[in-house]
Amino acid sequence: MNQRLRTILFLVSALLLLAGATLYIIDQAISPYLFAVGAAGLTLGYATEPTKETDLRKKRLQRYNLIAGILMIAASMLMFNNRNEWILCLSISAFLQLYVAFVYPKDDKKEK
């Protein structure tokens, strides 16, 4: 999957995830579906990230993102069952993604 398609998938999935989480307060019938599609899209984006020529640290951080995506899918399953534990899964997932965002090295100029 090329980078442009992955970026579009990530943005659309993030918007669906956000819409599903916020609509849970208003309409609990459609929000789990939006949330599940968004979580699946984000997880697919994380799973298709190329890791062939990256170092061990970036591979480890990519695995954290993948675990965060799996936690979002688990949160969507809990949403379908009308359980409030989905908030815990989503919070852990957000913490992992925040950790990766701050720790991921930003050395794009060195690679080019």
PDB file of N, CA and C in Angstrom:
ATOM      1  N   MET A   1       0.849  -1.170   0.000  1.00  0.00           N
ATOM      2  CA  MET A   1       0.000   0.000   0.000  1.00  0.00           C
ATOM      3  C   MET A   1       0.894   1.232   0.000  1.00  0.00           C
ATOM      4  N   ASN A   2       0.645   2.153  -0.930  1.00  0.00           N
ATOM      5  CA  ASN A   2       1.518   3.325  -1.003  1.00  0.00           C
ATOM      6  C   ASN A   2       1.201   4.322   0.115  1.00  0.00           C
ATOM      7  N   GLN A   3       2.095   5.263   0.290  1.00  0.00           N
ATOM      8  CA  GLN A   3       2.022   6.187   1.421  1.00  0.00           C
ATOM      9  C   GLN A   3       0.793   7.095   1.328  1.00  0.00           C
ATOM     10  N   ARG A   4       0.462   7.540   0.138  1.00  0.00           N
ATOM     11  CA  ARG A   4      -0.692   8.446  -0.024  1.00  0.00           C
ATOM     12  C   ARG A   4      -1.997   7.741   0.361  1.00  0.00           C
ATOM     13  N   LEU A   5      -2.169   6.508  -0.064  1.00  0.00           N
ATOM     14  CA  LEU A   5      -3.370   5.750   0.263  1.00  0.00           C
ATOM     15  C   LEU A   5      -3.438   5.465   1.757  1.00  0.00           C
ATOM     16  N   ARG A   6      -2.310   5.171   2.366  1.00  0.00           N
ATOM     17  CA  ARG A   6      -2.277   4.937   3.808  1.00  0.00           C
ATOM     18  C   ARG A   6      -2.647   6.199   4.578  1.00  0.00           C
ATOM     19  N   THR A   7      -2.202   7.357   4.095  1.00  0.00           N
ATOM     20  CA  THR A   7      -2.522   8.621   4.753  1.00  0.00           C
ATOM     21  C   THR A   7      -4.013   8.923   4.670  1.00  0.00           C
ATOM     22  N   ILE A   8      -4.597   8.712   3.498  1.00  0.00           N
ATOM     23  CA  ILE A   8      -6.034   8.938   3.330  1.00  0.00           C
ATOM     24  C   ILE A   8      -6.824   7.973   4.204  1.00  0.00           C
ATOM     25  N   LEU A   9      -6.428   6.707   4.224  1.00  0.00           N
ATOM     26  CA  LEU A   9      -7.089   5.716   5.066  1.00  0.00           C
ATOM     27  C   LEU A   9      -7.000   6.102   6.532  1.00  0.00           C
ATOM     28  N   PHE A  10      -5.840   6.562   6.953  1.00  0.00           N
ATOM     29  CA  PHE A  10      -5.649   6.953   8.347  1.00  0.00           C
ATOM     30  C   PHE A  10      -6.539   8.134   8.709  1.00  0.00           C
ATOM     31  N   LEU A  11      -6.611   9.149   7.852  1.00  0.00           N
ATOM     32  CA  LEU A  11      -7.410  10.331   8.157  1.00  0.00           C
ATOM     33  C   LEU A  11      -8.906  10.015   8.204  1.00  0.00           C
ATOM     34  N   VAL A  12      -9.389   9.259   7.232  1.00  0.00           N
ATOM     35  CA  VAL A  12     -10.813   8.900   7.216  1.00  0.00           C
ATOM     36  C   VAL A  12     -11.149   8.022   8.421  1.00  0.00           C
ATOM     37  N   SER A  13     -10.276   7.081   8.728  1.00  0.00           N
ATOM     38  CA  SER A  13     -10.520   6.198   9.870  1.00  0.00           C
ATOM     39  C   SER A  13     -10.498   6.969  11.186  1.00  0.00           C
ATOM     40  N   ALA A  14      -9.597   7.917  11.302  1.00  0.00           N
ATOM     41  CA  ALA A  14      -9.536   8.715  12.525  1.00  0.00           C
ATOM     42  C   ALA A  14     -10.805   9.557  12.693  1.00  0.00           C
ATOM     43  N   LEU A  15     -11.317  10.096  11.604  1.00  0.00           N
ATOM     44  CA  LEU A  15     -12.562  10.858  11.684  1.00  0.00           C
ATOM     45  C   LEU A  15     -13.741   9.966  12.055  1.00  0.00           C
ATOM     46  N   LEU A  16     -13.797   8.759  11.494  1.00  0.00           N
ATOM     47  CA  LEU A  16     -14.868   7.828  11.845  1.00  0.00           C
ATOM     48  C   LEU A  16     -14.767   7.401  13.305  1.00  0.00           C
ATOM     49  N   LEU A  17     -13.562   7.178  13.771  1.00  0.00           N
ATOM     50  CA  LEU A  17     -13.348   6.800  15.167  1.00  0.00           C
ATOM     51  C   LEU A  17     -13.799   7.912  16.105  1.00  0.00           C
ATOM     52  N   LEU A  18     -13.435   9.132  15.777  1.00  0.00           N
ATOM     53  CA  LEU A  18     -13.828  10.277  16.590  1.00  0.00           C
ATOM     54  C   LEU A  18     -15.347  10.472  16.567  1.00  0.00           C
ATOM     55  N   ALA A  19     -15.941  10.331  15.401  1.00  0.00           N
ATOM     56  CA  ALA A  19     -17.400  10.475  15.287  1.00  0.00           C
ATOM     57  C   ALA A  19     -18.110   9.385  16.070  1.00  0.00           C
ATOM     58  N   GLY A  20     -17.612   8.163  16.007  1.00  0.00           N
ATOM     59  CA  GLY A  20     -18.234   7.074  16.756  1.00  0.00           C
ATOM     60  C   GLY A  20     -18.138   7.263  18.253  1.00  0.00           C
ATOM     61  N   ALA A  21     -17.016   7.759  18.709  1.00  0.00           N
ATOM     62  CA  ALA A  21     -16.840   7.969  20.151  1.00  0.00           C
ATOM     63  C   ALA A  21     -17.705   9.118  20.656  1.00  0.00           C
ATOM     64  N   THR A  22     -17.839  10.181  19.877  1.00  0.00           N
ATOM     65  CA  THR A  22     -18.642  11.312  20.335  1.00  0.00           C
ATOM     66  C   THR A  22     -20.136  11.063  20.167  1.00  0.00           C
ATOM     67  N   LEU A  23     -20.523  10.328  19.158  1.00  0.00           N
ATOM     68  CA  LEU A  23     -21.940  10.029  18.959  1.00  0.00           C
ATOM     69  C   LEU A  23     -22.463   8.991  19.938  1.00  0.00           C
ATOM     70  N   TYR A  24     -21.596   8.337  20.674  1.00  0.00           N
ATOM     71  CA  TYR A  24     -22.030   7.344  21.653  1.00  0.00           C
ATOM     72  C   TYR A  24     -22.912   7.988  22.717  1.00  0.00           C
ATOM     73  N   ILE A  25     -22.679   9.252  22.992  1.00  0.00           N
ATOM     74  CA  ILE A  25     -23.485   9.970  23.982  1.00  0.00           C
ATOM     75  C   ILE A  25     -24.897  10.207  23.453  1.00  0.00           C
ATOM     76  N   ILE A  26     -25.009  10.530  22.165  1.00  0.00           N
ATOM     77  CA  ILE A  26     -26.299  10.889  21.572  1.00  0.00           C
ATOM     78  C   ILE A  26     -27.063   9.661  21.079  1.00  0.00           C
ATOM     79  N   ASP A  27     -26.425   8.876  20.217  1.00  0.00           N
ATOM     80  CA  ASP A  27     -27.100   7.755  19.561  1.00  0.00           C
ATOM     81  C   ASP A  27     -26.235   6.514  19.685  1.00  0.00           C
ATOM     82  N   GLN A  28     -26.656   5.599  20.537  1.00  0.00           N
ATOM     83  CA  GLN A  28     -25.859   4.402  20.756  1.00  0.00           C
ATOM     84  C   GLN A  28     -26.106   3.330  19.710  1.00  0.00           C
ATOM     85  N   ALA A  29     -26.971   3.589  18.743  1.00  0.00           N
ATOM     86  CA  ALA A  29     -27.264   2.577  17.730  1.00  0.00           C
ATOM     87  C   ALA A  29     -26.238   2.600  16.600  1.00  0.00           C
ATOM     88  N   ILE A  30     -25.852   3.767  16.128  1.00  0.00           N
ATOM     89  CA  ILE A  30     -24.960   3.855  14.970  1.00  0.00           C
ATOM     90  C   ILE A  30     -23.493   4.054  15.369  1.00  0.00           C
ATOM     91  N   SER A  31     -23.248   4.551  16.557  1.00  0.00           N
ATOM     92  CA  SER A  31     -21.875   4.871  16.950  1.00  0.00           C
ATOM     93  C   SER A  31     -20.936   3.663  17.001  1.00  0.00           C
ATOM     94  N   PRO A  32     -21.356   2.474  17.445  1.00  0.00           N
ATOM     95  CA  PRO A  32     -20.411   1.349  17.432  1.00  0.00           C
ATOM     96  C   PRO A  32     -19.951   0.967  16.027  1.00  0.00           C
ATOM     97  N   TYR A  33     -20.826   1.135  15.039  1.00  0.00           N
ATOM     98  CA  TYR A  33     -20.453   0.819  13.658  1.00  0.00           C
ATOM     99  C   TYR A  33     -19.404   1.787  13.126  1.00  0.00           C
ATOM    100  N   LEU A  34     -19.610   3.079  13.394  1.00  0.00           N
ATOM    101  CA  LEU A  34     -18.618   4.077  12.978  1.00  0.00           C
ATOM    102  C   LEU A  34     -17.282   3.828  13.680  1.00  0.00           C
ATOM    103  N   PHE A  35     -17.369   3.554  14.961  1.00  0.00           N
ATOM    104  CA  PHE A  35     -16.162   3.318  15.750  1.00  0.00           C
ATOM    105  C   PHE A  35     -15.423   2.072  15.257  1.00  0.00           C
ATOM    106  N   ALA A  36     -16.169   1.012  14.947  1.00  0.00           N
ATOM    107  CA  ALA A  36     -15.538  -0.235  14.504  1.00  0.00           C
ATOM    108  C   ALA A  36     -14.858  -0.075  13.151  1.00  0.00           C
ATOM    109  N   VAL A  37     -15.500   0.625  12.224  1.00  0.00           N
ATOM    110  CA  VAL A  37     -14.883   0.844  10.911  1.00  0.00           C
ATOM    111  C   VAL A  37     -13.635   1.709  11.055  1.00  0.00           C
ATOM    112  N   GLY A  38     -13.708   2.734  11.908  1.00  0.00           N
ATOM    113  CA  GLY A  38     -12.540   3.581  12.143  1.00  0.00           C
ATOM    114  C   GLY A  38     -11.399   2.822  12.800  1.00  0.00           C
ATOM    115  N   ALA A  39     -11.714   1.984  13.771  1.00  0.00           N
ATOM    116  CA  ALA A  39     -10.681   1.197  14.449  1.00  0.00           C
ATOM    117  C   ALA A  39     -10.041   0.192  13.496  1.00  0.00           C
ATOM    118  N   ALA A  40     -10.864  -0.427  12.657  1.00  0.00           N
ATOM    119  CA  ALA A  40     -10.318  -1.390  11.697  1.00  0.00           C
ATOM    120  C   ALA A  40      -9.425  -0.693  10.675  1.00  0.00           C
ATOM    121  N   GLY A  41      -9.814   0.487  10.237  1.00  0.00           N
ATOM    122  CA  GLY A  41      -8.989   1.237   9.287  1.00  0.00           C
ATOM    123  C   GLY A  41      -7.661   1.667   9.879  1.00  0.00           C
ATOM    124  N   LEU A  42      -7.689   2.149  11.115  1.00  0.00           N
ATOM    125  CA  LEU A  42      -6.436   2.544  11.771  1.00  0.00           C
ATOM    126  C   LEU A  42      -5.522   1.342  11.987  1.00  0.00           C
ATOM    127  N   THR A  43      -6.091   0.239  12.399  1.00  0.00           N
ATOM    128  CA  THR A  43      -5.291  -0.964  12.616  1.00  0.00           C
ATOM    129  C   THR A  43      -4.702  -1.465  11.301  1.00  0.00           C
ATOM    130  N   LEU A  44      -5.486  -1.401  10.235  1.00  0.00           N
ATOM    131  CA  LEU A  44      -4.975  -1.786   8.917  1.00  0.00           C
ATOM    132  C   LEU A  44      -3.836  -0.867   8.488  1.00  0.00           C
ATOM    133  N   GLY A  45      -3.983   0.416   8.759  1.00  0.00           N
ATOM    134  CA  GLY A  45      -2.910   1.360   8.442  1.00  0.00           C
ATOM    135  C   GLY A  45      -1.640   1.079   9.230  1.00  0.00           C
ATOM    136  N   TYR A  46      -1.801   0.749  10.494  1.00  0.00           N
ATOM    137  CA  TYR A  46      -0.633   0.416  11.312  1.00  0.00           C
ATOM    138  C   TYR A  46      -0.001  -0.905  10.874  1.00  0.00           C
ATOM    139  N   ALA A  47      -0.836  -1.859  10.474  1.00  0.00           N
ATOM    140  CA  ALA A  47      -0.317  -3.171  10.103  1.00  0.00           C
ATOM    141  C   ALA A  47       0.409  -3.157   8.761  1.00  0.00           C
ATOM    142  N   THR A  48       0.057  -2.239   7.878  1.00  0.00           N
ATOM    143  CA  THR A  48       0.691  -2.195   6.559  1.00  0.00           C
ATOM    144  C   THR A  48       1.854  -1.216   6.483  1.00  0.00           C
ATOM    145  N   GLU A  49       2.258  -0.686   7.617  1.00  0.00           N
ATOM    146  CA  GLU A  49       3.403   0.223   7.619  1.00  0.00           C
ATOM    147  C   GLU A  49       4.672  -0.562   7.305  1.00  0.00           C
ATOM    148  N   PRO A  50       5.461  -0.105   6.323  1.00  0.00           N
ATOM    149  CA  PRO A  50       6.673  -0.863   5.966  1.00  0.00           C
ATOM    150  C   PRO A  50       7.722  -0.782   7.074  1.00  0.00           C
ATOM    151  N   THR A  51       8.275  -1.948   7.422  1.00  0.00           N
ATOM    152  CA  THR A  51       9.282  -2.002   8.481  1.00  0.00           C
ATOM    153  C   THR A  51      10.527  -2.774   8.049  1.00  0.00           C
ATOM    154  N   LYS A  52      10.688  -2.989   6.763  1.00  0.00           N
ATOM    155  CA  LYS A  52      11.824  -3.803   6.307  1.00  0.00           C
ATOM    156  C   LYS A  52      13.174  -3.187   6.612  1.00  0.00           C
ATOM    157  N   GLU A  53      13.333  -1.926   6.301  1.00  0.00           N
ATOM    158  CA  GLU A  53      14.649  -1.295   6.449  1.00  0.00           C
ATOM    159  C   GLU A  53      14.680  -0.295   7.606  1.00  0.00           C
ATOM    160  N   THR A  54      13.966  -0.599   8.675  1.00  0.00           N
ATOM    161  CA  THR A  54      13.987   0.284   9.844  1.00  0.00           C
ATOM    162  C   THR A  54      14.757  -0.383  10.977  1.00  0.00           C
ATOM    163  N   ASP A  55      15.164   0.439  11.909  1.00  0.00           N
ATOM    164  CA  ASP A  55      15.917  -0.101  13.035  1.00  0.00           C
ATOM    165  C   ASP A  55      14.973  -0.714  14.069  1.00  0.00           C
ATOM    166  N   LEU A  56      15.560  -1.313  15.081  1.00  0.00           N
ATOM    167  CA  LEU A  56      14.804  -2.048  16.082  1.00  0.00           C
ATOM    168  C   LEU A  56      13.867  -1.135  16.881  1.00  0.00           C
ATOM    169  N   ARG A  57      14.306   0.079  17.158  1.00  0.00           N
ATOM    170  CA  ARG A  57      13.497   1.008  17.941  1.00  0.00           C
ATOM    171  C   ARG A  57      12.216   1.378  17.202  1.00  0.00           C
ATOM    172  N   LYS A  58      12.316   1.660  15.912  1.00  0.00           N
ATOM    173  CA  LYS A  58      11.125   2.010  15.139  1.00  0.00           C
ATOM    174  C   LYS A  58      10.190   0.820  14.989  1.00  0.00           C
ATOM    175  N   LYS A  59      10.748  -0.382  14.882  1.00  0.00           N
ATOM    176  CA  LYS A  59       9.905  -1.577  14.805  1.00  0.00           C
ATOM    177  C   LYS A  59       9.142  -1.783  16.106  1.00  0.00           C
ATOM    178  N   ARG A  60       9.801  -1.529  17.233  1.00  0.00           N
ATOM    179  CA  ARG A  60       9.149  -1.668  18.529  1.00  0.00           C
ATOM    180  C   ARG A  60       8.025  -0.654  18.673  1.00  0.00           C
ATOM    181  N   LEU A  61       8.258   0.577  18.255  1.00  0.00           N
ATOM    182  CA  LEU A  61       7.227   1.597  18.341  1.00  0.00           C
ATOM    183  C   LEU A  61       6.071   1.295  17.389  1.00  0.00           C
ATOM    184  N   GLN A  62       6.372   0.699  16.243  1.00  0.00           N
ATOM    185  CA  GLN A  62       5.317   0.315  15.317  1.00  0.00           C
ATOM    186  C   GLN A  62       4.453  -0.796  15.917  1.00  0.00           C
ATOM    187  N   ARG A  63       5.065  -1.694  16.664  1.00  0.00           N
ATOM    188  CA  ARG A  63       4.303  -2.738  17.353  1.00  0.00           C
ATOM    189  C   ARG A  63       3.396  -2.146  18.429  1.00  0.00           C
ATOM    190  N   TYR A  64       3.853  -1.076  19.101  1.00  0.00           N
ATOM    191  CA  TYR A  64       2.999  -0.394  20.075  1.00  0.00           C
ATOM    192  C   TYR A  64       1.763   0.182  19.383  1.00  0.00           C
ATOM    193  N   ASN A  65       1.967   0.758  18.199  1.00  0.00           N
ATOM    194  CA  ASN A  65       0.827   1.270  17.447  1.00  0.00           C
ATOM    195  C   ASN A  65      -0.125   0.144  17.059  1.00  0.00           C
ATOM    196  N   LEU A  66       0.418  -0.987  16.692  1.00  0.00           N
ATOM    197  CA  LEU A  66      -0.419  -2.129  16.321  1.00  0.00           C
ATOM    198  C   LEU A  66      -1.212  -2.639  17.532  1.00  0.00           C
ATOM    199  N   ILE A  67      -0.587  -2.674  18.689  1.00  0.00           N
ATOM    200  CA  ILE A  67      -1.290  -3.064  19.916  1.00  0.00           C
ATOM    201  C   ILE A  67      -2.386  -2.051  20.228  1.00  0.00           C
ATOM    202  N   ALA A  68      -2.106  -0.771  20.004  1.00  0.00           N
ATOM    203  CA  ALA A  68      -3.119   0.256  20.220  1.00  0.00           C
ATOM    204  C   ALA A  68      -4.304   0.057  19.275  1.00  0.00           C
ATOM    205  N   GLY A  69      -4.035  -0.321  18.041  1.00  0.00           N
ATOM    206  CA  GLY A  69      -5.116  -0.590  17.102  1.00  0.00           C
ATOM    207  C   GLY A  69      -5.956  -1.783  17.522  1.00  0.00           C
ATOM    208  N   ILE A  70      -5.309  -2.823  18.015  1.00  0.00           N
ATOM    209  CA  ILE A  70      -6.043  -4.002  18.484  1.00  0.00           C
ATOM    210  C   ILE A  70      -6.892  -3.649  19.702  1.00  0.00           C
ATOM    211  N   LEU A  71      -6.381  -2.787  20.560  1.00  0.00           N
ATOM    212  CA  LEU A  71      -7.171  -2.329  21.706  1.00  0.00           C
ATOM    213  C   LEU A  71      -8.381  -1.520  21.260  1.00  0.00           C
ATOM    214  N   MET A  72      -8.238  -0.758  20.175  1.00  0.00           N
ATOM    215  CA  MET A  72      -9.393  -0.019  19.657  1.00  0.00           C
ATOM    216  C   MET A  72     -10.448  -0.969  19.098  1.00  0.00           C
ATOM    217  N   ILE A  73     -10.017  -2.045  18.467  1.00  0.00           N
ATOM    218  CA  ILE A  73     -10.975  -3.035  17.979  1.00  0.00           C
ATOM    219  C   ILE A  73     -11.680  -3.700  19.159  1.00  0.00           C
ATOM    220  N   ALA A  74     -10.937  -3.982  20.228  1.00  0.00           N
ATOM    221  CA  ALA A  74     -11.553  -4.542  21.435  1.00  0.00           C
ATOM    222  C   ALA A  74     -12.548  -3.548  22.040  1.00  0.00           C
ATOM    223  N   ALA A  75     -12.213  -2.261  21.977  1.00  0.00           N
ATOM    224  CA  ALA A  75     -13.136  -1.245  22.487  1.00  0.00           C
ATOM    225  C   ALA A  75     -14.419  -1.218  21.661  1.00  0.00           C
ATOM    226  N   SER A  76     -14.297  -1.404  20.373  1.00  0.00           N
ATOM    227  CA  SER A  76     -15.509  -1.408  19.548  1.00  0.00           C
ATOM    228  C   SER A  76     -16.372  -2.627  19.851  1.00  0.00           C
ATOM    229  N   MET A  77     -15.743  -3.774  20.137  1.00  0.00           N
ATOM    230  CA  MET A  77     -16.534  -4.949  20.526  1.00  0.00           C
ATOM    231  C   MET A  77     -17.262  -4.698  21.846  1.00  0.00           C
ATOM    232  N   LEU A  78     -16.610  -4.025  22.771  1.00  0.00           N
ATOM    233  CA  LEU A  78     -17.269  -3.688  24.029  1.00  0.00           C
ATOM    234  C   LEU A  78     -18.390  -2.677  23.818  1.00  0.00           C
ATOM    235  N   MET A  79     -18.234  -1.795  22.838  1.00  0.00           N
ATOM    236  CA  MET A  79     -19.294  -0.849  22.515  1.00  0.00           C
ATOM    237  C   MET A  79     -20.536  -1.576  21.999  1.00  0.00           C
ATOM    238  N   PHE A  80     -20.327  -2.603  21.173  1.00  0.00           N
ATOM    239  CA  PHE A  80     -21.456  -3.361  20.651  1.00  0.00           C
ATOM    240  C   PHE A  80     -22.216  -4.073  21.761  1.00  0.00           C
ATOM    241  N   ASN A  81     -21.536  -4.444  22.819  1.00  0.00           N
ATOM    242  CA  ASN A  81     -22.174  -5.133  23.945  1.00  0.00           C
ATOM    243  C   ASN A  81     -22.712  -4.172  25.003  1.00  0.00           C
ATOM    244  N   ASN A  82     -22.683  -2.866  24.709  1.00  0.00           N
ATOM    245  CA  ASN A  82     -23.155  -1.819  25.630  1.00  0.00           C
ATOM    246  C   ASN A  82     -22.460  -1.883  26.984  1.00  0.00           C
ATOM    247  N   ARG A  83     -21.182  -2.117  26.950  1.00  0.00           N
ATOM    248  CA  ARG A  83     -20.382  -2.125  28.173  1.00  0.00           C
ATOM    249  C   ARG A  83     -19.546  -0.856  28.195  1.00  0.00           C
ATOM    250  N   ASN A  84     -19.329  -0.304  29.363  1.00  0.00           N
ATOM    251  CA  ASN A  84     -18.582   0.946  29.487  1.00  0.00           C
ATOM    252  C   ASN A  84     -17.074   0.741  29.595  1.00  0.00           C
ATOM    253  N   GLU A  85     -16.617  -0.501  29.548  1.00  0.00           N
ATOM    254  CA  GLU A  85     -15.180  -0.757  29.612  1.00  0.00           C
ATOM    255  C   GLU A  85     -14.468  -0.339  28.331  1.00  0.00           C
ATOM    256  N   TRP A  86     -15.220  -0.012  27.284  1.00  0.00           N
ATOM    257  CA  TRP A  86     -14.599   0.426  26.035  1.00  0.00           C
ATOM    258  C   TRP A  86     -13.805   1.702  26.255  1.00  0.00           C
ATOM    259  N   ILE A  87     -14.226   2.500  27.228  1.00  0.00           N
ATOM    260  CA  ILE A  87     -13.511   3.744  27.522  1.00  0.00           C
ATOM    261  C   ILE A  87     -12.114   3.442  28.051  1.00  0.00           C
ATOM    262  N   LEU A  88     -11.977   2.395  28.845  1.00  0.00           N
ATOM    263  CA  LEU A  88     -10.670   1.997  29.369  1.00  0.00           C
ATOM    264  C   LEU A  88      -9.750   1.531  28.239  1.00  0.00           C
ATOM    265  N   CYS A  89     -10.277   0.692  27.342  1.00  0.00           N
ATOM    266  CA  CYS A  89      -9.471   0.221  26.208  1.00  0.00           C
ATOM    267  C   CYS A  89      -9.037   1.382  25.319  1.00  0.00           C
ATOM    268  N   LEU A  90      -9.956   2.315  25.086  1.00  0.00           N
ATOM    269  CA  LEU A  90      -9.624   3.469  24.259  1.00  0.00           C
ATOM    270  C   LEU A  90      -8.595   4.365  24.940  1.00  0.00           C
ATOM    271  N   SER A  91      -8.682   4.504  26.250  1.00  0.00           N
ATOM    272  CA  SER A  91      -7.711   5.330  26.985  1.00  0.00           C
ATOM    273  C   SER A  91      -6.316   4.716  26.945  1.00  0.00           C
ATOM    274  N   ILE A  92      -6.220   3.411  27.116  1.00  0.00           N
ATOM    275  CA  ILE A  92      -4.914   2.745  27.033  1.00  0.00           C
ATOM    276  C   ILE A  92      -4.349   2.881  25.625  1.00  0.00           C
ATOM    277  N   SER A  93      -5.211   2.728  24.624  1.00  0.00           N
ATOM    278  CA  SER A  93      -4.782   2.874  23.240  1.00  0.00           C
ATOM    279  C   SER A  93      -4.285   4.294  22.969  1.00  0.00           C
ATOM    280  N   ALA A  94      -5.001   5.276  23.482  1.00  0.00           N
ATOM    281  CA  ALA A  94      -4.583   6.670  23.284  1.00  0.00           C
ATOM    282  C   ALA A  94      -3.258   6.948  23.981  1.00  0.00           C
ATOM    283  N   PHE A  95      -3.062   6.376  25.166  1.00  0.00           N
ATOM    284  CA  PHE A  95      -1.795   6.555  25.871  1.00  0.00           C
ATOM    285  C   PHE A  95      -0.633   5.947  25.074  1.00  0.00           C
ATOM    286  N   LEU A  96      -0.838   4.742  24.514  1.00  0.00           N
ATOM    287  CA  LEU A  96       0.215   4.120  23.698  1.00  0.00           C
ATOM    288  C   LEU A  96       0.531   4.950  22.465  1.00  0.00           C
ATOM    289  N   GLN A  97      -0.489   5.470  21.814  1.00  0.00           N
ATOM    290  CA  GLN A  97      -0.258   6.285  20.619  1.00  0.00           C
ATOM    291  C   GLN A  97       0.424   7.602  20.970  1.00  0.00           C
ATOM    292  N   LEU A  98       0.070   8.173  22.106  1.00  0.00           N
ATOM    293  CA  LEU A  98       0.725   9.403  22.547  1.00  0.00           C
ATOM    294  C   LEU A  98       2.193   9.151  22.865  1.00  0.00           C
ATOM    295  N   TYR A  99       2.480   8.025  23.499  1.00  0.00           N
ATOM    296  CA  TYR A  99       3.861   7.656  23.794  1.00  0.00           C
ATOM    297  C   TYR A  99       4.665   7.517  22.502  1.00  0.00           C
ATOM    298  N   VAL A 100       4.099   6.829  21.525  1.00  0.00           N
ATOM    299  CA  VAL A 100       4.794   6.637  20.253  1.00  0.00           C
ATOM    300  C   VAL A 100       5.006   7.977  19.552  1.00  0.00           C
ATOM    301  N   ALA A 101       4.027   8.860  19.624  1.00  0.00           N
ATOM    302  CA  ALA A 101       4.154  10.158  18.960  1.00  0.00           C
ATOM    303  C   ALA A 101       5.291  10.989  19.542  1.00  0.00           C
ATOM    304  N   PHE A 102       5.516  10.877  20.841  1.00  0.00           N
ATOM    305  CA  PHE A 102       6.588  11.658  21.454  1.00  0.00           C
ATOM    306  C   PHE A 102       7.953  10.991  21.345  1.00  0.00           C
ATOM    307  N   VAL A 103       8.001   9.675  21.307  1.00  0.00           N
ATOM    308  CA  VAL A 103       9.273   8.964  21.333  1.00  0.00           C
ATOM    309  C   VAL A 103       9.810   8.688  19.932  1.00  0.00           C
ATOM    310  N   TYR A 104       8.928   8.607  18.938  1.00  0.00           N
ATOM    311  CA  TYR A 104       9.345   8.256  17.579  1.00  0.00           C
ATOM    312  C   TYR A 104      10.375   9.260  17.076  1.00  0.00           C
ATOM    313  N   PRO A 105      11.533   8.797  16.601  1.00  0.00           N
ATOM    314  CA  PRO A 105      12.583   9.718  16.165  1.00  0.00           C
ATOM    315  C   PRO A 105      12.176  10.473  14.904  1.00  0.00           C
ATOM    316  N   LYS A 106      12.495  11.740  14.876  1.00  0.00           N
ATOM    317  CA  LYS A 106      12.159  12.594  13.739  1.00  0.00           C
ATOM    318  C   LYS A 106      13.422  12.933  12.946  1.00  0.00           C
ATOM    319  N   ASP A 107      14.068  11.927  12.392  1.00  0.00           N
ATOM    320  CA  ASP A 107      15.320  12.136  11.665  1.00  0.00           C
ATOM    321  C   ASP A 107      15.098  11.953  10.165  1.00  0.00           C
ATOM    322  N   ASP A 108      14.079  12.625   9.594  1.00  0.00           N
ATOM    323  CA  ASP A 108      13.797  12.509   8.179  1.00  0.00           C
ATOM    324  C   ASP A 108      14.896  13.140   7.324  1.00  0.00           C
ATOM    325  N   LYS A 109      15.539  14.193   7.796  1.00  0.00           N
ATOM    326  CA  LYS A 109      16.581  14.851   7.022  1.00  0.00           C
ATOM    327  C   LYS A 109      17.829  13.983   6.888  1.00  0.00           C
ATOM    328  N   LYS A 110      18.082  13.137   7.878  1.00  0.00           N
ATOM    329  CA  LYS A 110      19.250  12.259   7.831  1.00  0.00           C
ATOM    330  C   LYS A 110      19.045  11.133   6.828  1.00  0.00           C
ATOM    331  N   GLU A 111      17.801  10.687   6.660  1.00  0.00           N
ATOM    332  CA  GLU A 111      17.527   9.571   5.774  1.00  0.00           C
ATOM    333  C   GLU A 111      17.557   9.978   4.300  1.00  0.00           C
ATOM    334  N   LYS A 112      17.284  11.250   3.989  1.00  0.00           N
ATOM    335  CA  LYS A 112      17.203  11.691   2.586  1.00  0.00           C
ATOM    336  C   LYS A 112      18.524  12.022   1.991  1.00  0.00           C
TER     337      LYS A 112
END
